[in-house]
Amino acid sequence: MSKKRLFDDPCGIARALNAVGERWALLVVRELVFGPKRYSDLHRGLPQMSQNVLAQRLRELEADGLVRRRRLGPPAPAAVYELTERGQELEPVLRALAHWGSRAPLPEDGAAELSVDALLFALRATFDPALAGELSLRCQLDVAGDRFRITVAGGRLELDRGEHAEPEAWLNVPEAATLRDLVFAGAALHDAVERADTEVTGDTARLAALLRCFPAAVRYPAPQDPGPPDPVSPGLGSPNAELPDPAVSAGSRRG
């Protein structure tokens, strides 16, 4: 395991970078902003990050008091990672970075997709109260089976993981890319519904107004018609397949 590199500088910026300046560290924090995740869910949100590097970043973030690991009880016992109170204090820092970085050009190849949590965080970072105006809405948002509740009122946005008791609108999209196109690429809501991969109920007019509250400094390309899906062999590449947690395994070996 490589040794963590530290800045020999008393400046507060340098001391902050000693905790979160390693590659991928802040993106791991981003994936935990909306709540605890299993190791496999973290890796799914950061697929270009190797499991070894993810395990190392988690150990470092734990050592710096930004992340903790705990075990969920029955009926589905599992180890999850979550931000500590100190780790949660990084959210406004991430939001400012996201807003600043949104003006940079998109990667030229465009191969990588936003994770669900990255996309929802982008909504937090780009919400424009001026565009929301007097809009008031409780929206239930389901993205690839992951549920979020959105509340807009008085020019303020509240967005977190969970379910609204009485949503006024409900938007169900099959993947993050569909929502990204609706928000940042100018895709029309009725077109997504007509493709039969998006479901909408409730107040669709206010829902469409909500989707226009997130201006993009750099516009995503307009979505293309994907055509018929490629055949997929059953049982291969299941998105629910559980990955081993190297951080837990390493701890077991050391113990």
Protein backbone atom coordinates (compact mmCIF):
# COMPACT_ATOMS: atom_id res chain seq x y z
CA MET A 1 0.00 0.00 0.00
CA SER A 2 1.43 3.36 -1.03
CA LYS A 3 2.04 5.94 1.67
CA LYS A 4 -0.27 8.93 1.73
CA ARG A 5 1.45 12.11 0.55
CA LEU A 6 1.10 15.12 2.85
CA PHE A 7 1.69 18.83 2.28
CA ASP A 8 4.27 20.29 4.65
CA ASP A 9 2.43 23.61 4.82
CA PRO A 10 0.47 25.05 7.77
CA CYS A 11 -2.07 26.79 5.52
CA GLY A 12 -5.67 25.65 6.12
CA ILE A 13 -6.02 24.75 2.43
CA ALA A 14 -2.97 22.49 2.64
CA ARG A 15 -4.24 20.87 5.84
CA ALA A 16 -7.62 20.24 4.16
CA LEU A 17 -5.89 18.69 1.16
CA ASN A 18 -3.97 16.41 3.51
CA ALA A 19 -7.36 14.84 4.28
CA VAL A 20 -9.14 14.98 0.90
CA GLY A 21 -6.47 15.84 -1.66
CA GLU A 22 -5.75 12.32 -2.84
CA ARG A 23 -7.28 11.27 -6.16
CA TRP A 24 -10.92 10.11 -5.89
CA ALA A 25 -11.24 11.12 -2.22
CA LEU A 26 -13.75 13.93 -2.78
CA LEU A 27 -15.72 11.80 -5.21
CA VAL A 28 -16.07 9.11 -2.54
CA VAL A 29 -17.43 11.83 -0.24
CA ARG A 30 -19.81 12.93 -3.01
CA GLU A 31 -21.22 9.41 -3.26
CA LEU A 32 -22.03 9.47 0.47
CA VAL A 33 -23.69 12.90 0.67
CA PHE A 34 -27.19 11.45 0.30
CA GLY A 35 -26.70 8.73 2.90
CA PRO A 36 -24.92 5.47 3.77
CA LYS A 37 -23.83 3.01 1.09
CA ARG A 38 -22.48 -0.49 0.92
CA TYR A 39 -19.04 -0.98 -0.58
CA SER A 40 -20.57 -2.48 -3.72
CA ASP A 41 -22.85 0.57 -4.16
CA LEU A 42 -19.86 2.89 -3.81
CA HIS A 43 -17.96 0.95 -6.45
CA ARG A 44 -21.00 1.00 -8.74
CA GLY A 45 -21.10 4.80 -8.48
CA LEU A 46 -17.36 5.06 -9.23
CA PRO A 47 -16.82 2.27 -11.79
CA GLN A 48 -13.55 3.68 -13.14
CA MET A 49 -11.97 3.51 -9.68
CA SER A 50 -10.26 0.22 -8.86
CA GLN A 51 -11.44 -1.72 -5.82
CA ASN A 52 -7.98 -1.47 -4.25
CA VAL A 53 -7.93 2.32 -4.56
CA LEU A 54 -11.49 2.59 -3.24
CA ALA A 55 -10.59 0.48 -0.20
CA GLN A 56 -7.50 2.62 0.42
CA ARG A 57 -9.44 5.91 0.13
CA LEU A 58 -12.05 4.61 2.55
CA ARG A 59 -9.39 3.64 5.09
CA GLU A 60 -7.79 7.09 4.79
CA LEU A 61 -11.11 8.92 5.10
CA GLU A 62 -11.94 6.81 8.16
CA ALA A 63 -8.54 7.59 9.70
CA ASP A 64 -9.16 11.32 9.16
CA GLY A 65 -12.56 11.14 10.82
CA LEU A 66 -14.59 11.93 7.67
CA VAL A 67 -16.15 8.51 7.08
CA ARG A 68 -17.19 5.73 9.42
CA ARG A 69 -18.17 2.12 8.81
CA ARG A 70 -21.06 0.56 10.66
CA ARG A 71 -23.09 -2.61 10.39
CA LEU A 72 -26.82 -2.58 9.70
CA GLY A 73 -28.97 -4.90 11.75
CA PRO A 74 -31.62 -7.39 10.57
CA PRO A 75 -33.44 -8.07 8.35
CA ALA A 76 -30.57 -7.35 5.92
CA PRO A 77 -27.33 -7.15 7.90
CA ALA A 78 -24.60 -5.44 5.90
CA ALA A 79 -21.63 -3.13 6.41
CA VAL A 80 -22.19 0.41 5.16
CA TYR A 81 -20.08 3.56 4.95
CA GLU A 82 -21.42 6.97 5.91
CA LEU A 83 -20.13 10.50 6.44
CA THR A 84 -19.38 11.65 9.95
CA GLU A 85 -20.49 15.10 11.08
CA ARG A 86 -17.09 16.42 10.02
CA GLY A 87 -17.46 14.71 6.64
CA GLN A 88 -20.90 16.25 6.14
CA GLU A 89 -19.32 19.68 6.54
CA LEU A 90 -17.68 19.11 3.14
CA GLU A 91 -21.00 19.36 1.28
CA PRO A 92 -20.92 23.17 0.74
CA VAL A 93 -17.29 22.79 -0.39
CA LEU A 94 -18.34 20.14 -2.92
CA ARG A 95 -21.28 22.25 -4.03
CA ALA A 96 -19.01 25.24 -4.68
CA LEU A 97 -16.55 23.01 -6.58
CA ALA A 98 -19.38 21.51 -8.62
CA HIS A 99 -20.70 24.96 -9.52
CA TRP A 100 -17.21 26.17 -10.44
CA GLY A 101 -16.34 23.02 -12.40
CA SER A 102 -19.64 23.02 -14.32
CA ARG A 103 -18.20 25.77 -16.55
CA ALA A 104 -15.29 23.56 -17.66
CA PRO A 105 -15.61 21.66 -20.96
CA LEU A 106 -17.08 18.17 -20.84
CA PRO A 107 -14.68 15.25 -21.51
CA GLU A 108 -14.20 14.90 -25.25
CA ASP A 109 -14.90 11.16 -25.44
CA GLY A 110 -18.07 11.44 -23.35
CA ALA A 111 -17.80 7.76 -22.45
CA ALA A 112 -18.33 8.03 -18.69
CA GLU A 113 -21.81 8.63 -17.31
CA LEU A 114 -22.80 10.49 -14.18
CA SER A 115 -23.68 8.24 -11.28
CA VAL A 116 -27.15 8.71 -9.77
CA ASP A 117 -25.70 10.51 -6.74
CA ALA A 118 -23.43 12.69 -8.90
CA LEU A 119 -26.42 13.75 -10.99
CA LEU A 120 -28.58 14.52 -7.97
CA PHE A 121 -25.71 16.48 -6.45
CA ALA A 122 -25.47 18.43 -9.72
CA LEU A 123 -29.12 19.39 -9.26
CA ARG A 124 -28.32 20.77 -5.83
CA ALA A 125 -25.35 22.70 -7.20
CA THR A 126 -27.09 24.24 -10.23
CA PHE A 127 -30.55 25.04 -8.84
CA ASP A 128 -31.45 28.64 -9.72
CA PRO A 129 -34.01 30.31 -7.39
CA ALA A 130 -34.69 32.98 -10.00
CA LEU A 131 -35.85 30.32 -12.47
CA ALA A 132 -37.97 28.65 -9.79
CA GLY A 133 -39.78 31.92 -9.02
CA GLU A 134 -43.01 31.14 -7.16
CA LEU A 135 -42.89 27.43 -8.00
CA SER A 136 -44.04 25.19 -5.16
CA LEU A 137 -43.89 21.42 -5.61
CA ARG A 138 -43.36 18.17 -3.75
CA CYS A 139 -41.92 15.70 -6.26
CA GLN A 140 -41.09 12.02 -5.84
CA LEU A 141 -38.18 11.08 -8.07
CA ASP A 142 -37.25 7.47 -8.82
CA VAL A 143 -33.99 6.95 -10.72
CA ALA A 144 -33.10 3.36 -11.62
CA GLY A 145 -34.93 2.17 -8.51
CA ASP A 146 -33.28 4.73 -6.22
CA ARG A 147 -35.79 7.06 -4.56
CA PHE A 148 -35.39 10.76 -3.84
CA ARG A 149 -37.76 13.44 -2.61
CA ILE A 150 -37.61 16.96 -3.99
CA THR A 151 -39.34 19.94 -2.44
CA VAL A 152 -39.31 23.39 -4.00
CA ALA A 153 -40.89 26.33 -2.19
CA GLY A 154 -40.01 29.98 -1.67
CA GLY A 155 -37.08 29.77 -4.08
CA ARG A 156 -35.45 26.99 -2.06
CA LEU A 157 -34.67 23.42 -3.05
CA GLU A 158 -34.62 20.47 -0.67
CA LEU A 159 -33.40 17.20 -2.17
CA ASP A 160 -32.57 14.04 -0.28
CA ARG A 161 -32.93 10.28 -0.47
CA GLY A 162 -36.31 9.00 0.67
CA GLU A 163 -40.04 9.10 -0.08
CA HIS A 164 -42.63 11.88 0.09
CA ALA A 165 -45.75 10.99 2.04
CA GLU A 166 -47.98 12.91 -0.40
CA PRO A 167 -46.09 13.91 -3.56
CA GLU A 168 -47.81 16.26 -5.98
CA ALA A 169 -45.83 14.85 -8.91
CA TRP A 170 -43.92 11.64 -9.53
CA LEU A 171 -41.15 11.09 -12.08
CA ASN A 172 -39.75 7.60 -12.68
CA VAL A 173 -36.77 7.27 -15.05
CA PRO A 174 -34.89 4.05 -15.86
CA GLU A 175 -31.38 5.48 -15.58
CA ALA A 176 -29.46 8.59 -14.62
CA ALA A 177 -28.79 9.46 -18.27
CA THR A 178 -32.52 9.90 -18.91
CA LEU A 179 -32.84 12.44 -16.11
CA ARG A 180 -29.62 14.14 -17.23
CA ASP A 181 -31.08 14.60 -20.71
CA LEU A 182 -34.31 16.03 -19.29
CA VAL A 183 -32.47 18.53 -17.10
CA PHE A 184 -29.23 19.42 -18.90
CA ALA A 185 -29.70 18.44 -22.57
CA GLY A 186 -33.09 19.97 -23.35
CA ALA A 187 -34.97 16.69 -23.80
CA ALA A 188 -38.75 17.09 -23.73
CA LEU A 189 -40.64 15.34 -20.96
CA HIS A 190 -43.42 14.12 -23.28
CA ASP A 191 -40.82 12.59 -25.64
CA ALA A 192 -39.31 10.58 -22.79
CA VAL A 193 -42.76 9.37 -21.78
CA GLU A 194 -43.61 8.38 -25.35
CA ARG A 195 -40.48 6.20 -25.48
CA ALA A 196 -42.13 4.18 -22.68
CA ASP A 197 -39.02 4.33 -20.48
CA THR A 198 -40.26 7.21 -18.31
CA GLU A 199 -43.36 7.42 -16.13
CA VAL A 200 -45.00 10.65 -14.96
CA THR A 201 -48.02 11.18 -12.74
CA GLY A 202 -49.51 14.16 -10.95
CA ASP A 203 -48.95 17.79 -11.86
CA THR A 204 -46.90 17.47 -15.05
CA ALA A 205 -46.91 21.22 -15.73
CA ARG A 206 -45.19 22.02 -12.45
CA LEU A 207 -42.89 19.03 -12.91
CA ALA A 208 -41.79 20.38 -16.30
CA ALA A 209 -41.21 23.78 -14.65
CA LEU A 210 -39.04 22.10 -12.00
CA LEU A 211 -36.88 20.47 -14.68
CA ARG A 212 -36.14 23.94 -16.08
CA CYS A 213 -34.69 25.24 -12.77
CA PHE A 214 -31.19 23.84 -13.35
CA PRO A 215 -29.25 25.88 -15.92
CA ALA A 216 -26.12 24.25 -17.37
CA ALA A 217 -23.15 26.49 -18.15
CA VAL A 218 -21.93 23.76 -20.53
CA ARG A 219 -24.81 22.09 -22.32
CA TYR A 220 -24.89 18.32 -22.71
CA PRO A 221 -25.45 17.18 -26.32
CA ALA A 222 -29.06 16.58 -27.27
CA PRO A 223 -30.09 12.95 -26.76
CA GLN A 224 -30.13 10.67 -29.78
CA ASP A 225 -32.65 7.96 -30.53
CA PRO A 226 -30.93 4.83 -29.19
CA GLY A 227 -32.84 2.47 -31.48
CA PRO A 228 -33.77 -1.07 -30.44
CA PRO A 229 -31.85 -2.41 -27.42
CA ASP A 230 -29.12 -5.00 -27.91
CA PRO A 231 -29.97 -8.50 -26.69
CA VAL A 232 -28.58 -9.27 -23.25
CA SER A 233 -27.82 -12.75 -22.05
CA PRO A 234 -29.85 -13.50 -18.89
CA GLY A 235 -27.94 -13.68 -15.64
CA LEU A 236 -24.88 -11.76 -16.86
CA GLY A 237 -23.76 -8.48 -15.37
CA SER A 238 -26.52 -8.20 -12.78
CA PRO A 239 -26.50 -4.68 -11.29
CA ASN A 240 -27.42 -6.18 -7.91
CA ALA A 241 -24.38 -8.43 -7.71
CA GLU A 242 -22.62 -7.87 -4.39
CA LEU A 243 -18.91 -7.06 -4.37
CA PRO A 244 -16.60 -8.07 -1.55
CA ASP A 245 -15.48 -5.22 0.67
CA PRO A 246 -11.64 -5.20 0.53
CA ALA A 247 -11.50 -2.82 3.49
CA VAL A 248 -13.43 -5.32 5.64
CA SER A 249 -11.50 -8.28 4.23
CA ALA A 250 -8.19 -6.57 4.95
CA GLY A 251 -9.30 -5.83 8.48
CA SER A 252 -10.32 -9.47 8.96
CA ARG A 253 -6.91 -10.66 7.76
CA ARG A 254 -5.13 -8.26 10.05
CA GLY A 255 -7.28 -9.37 13.00
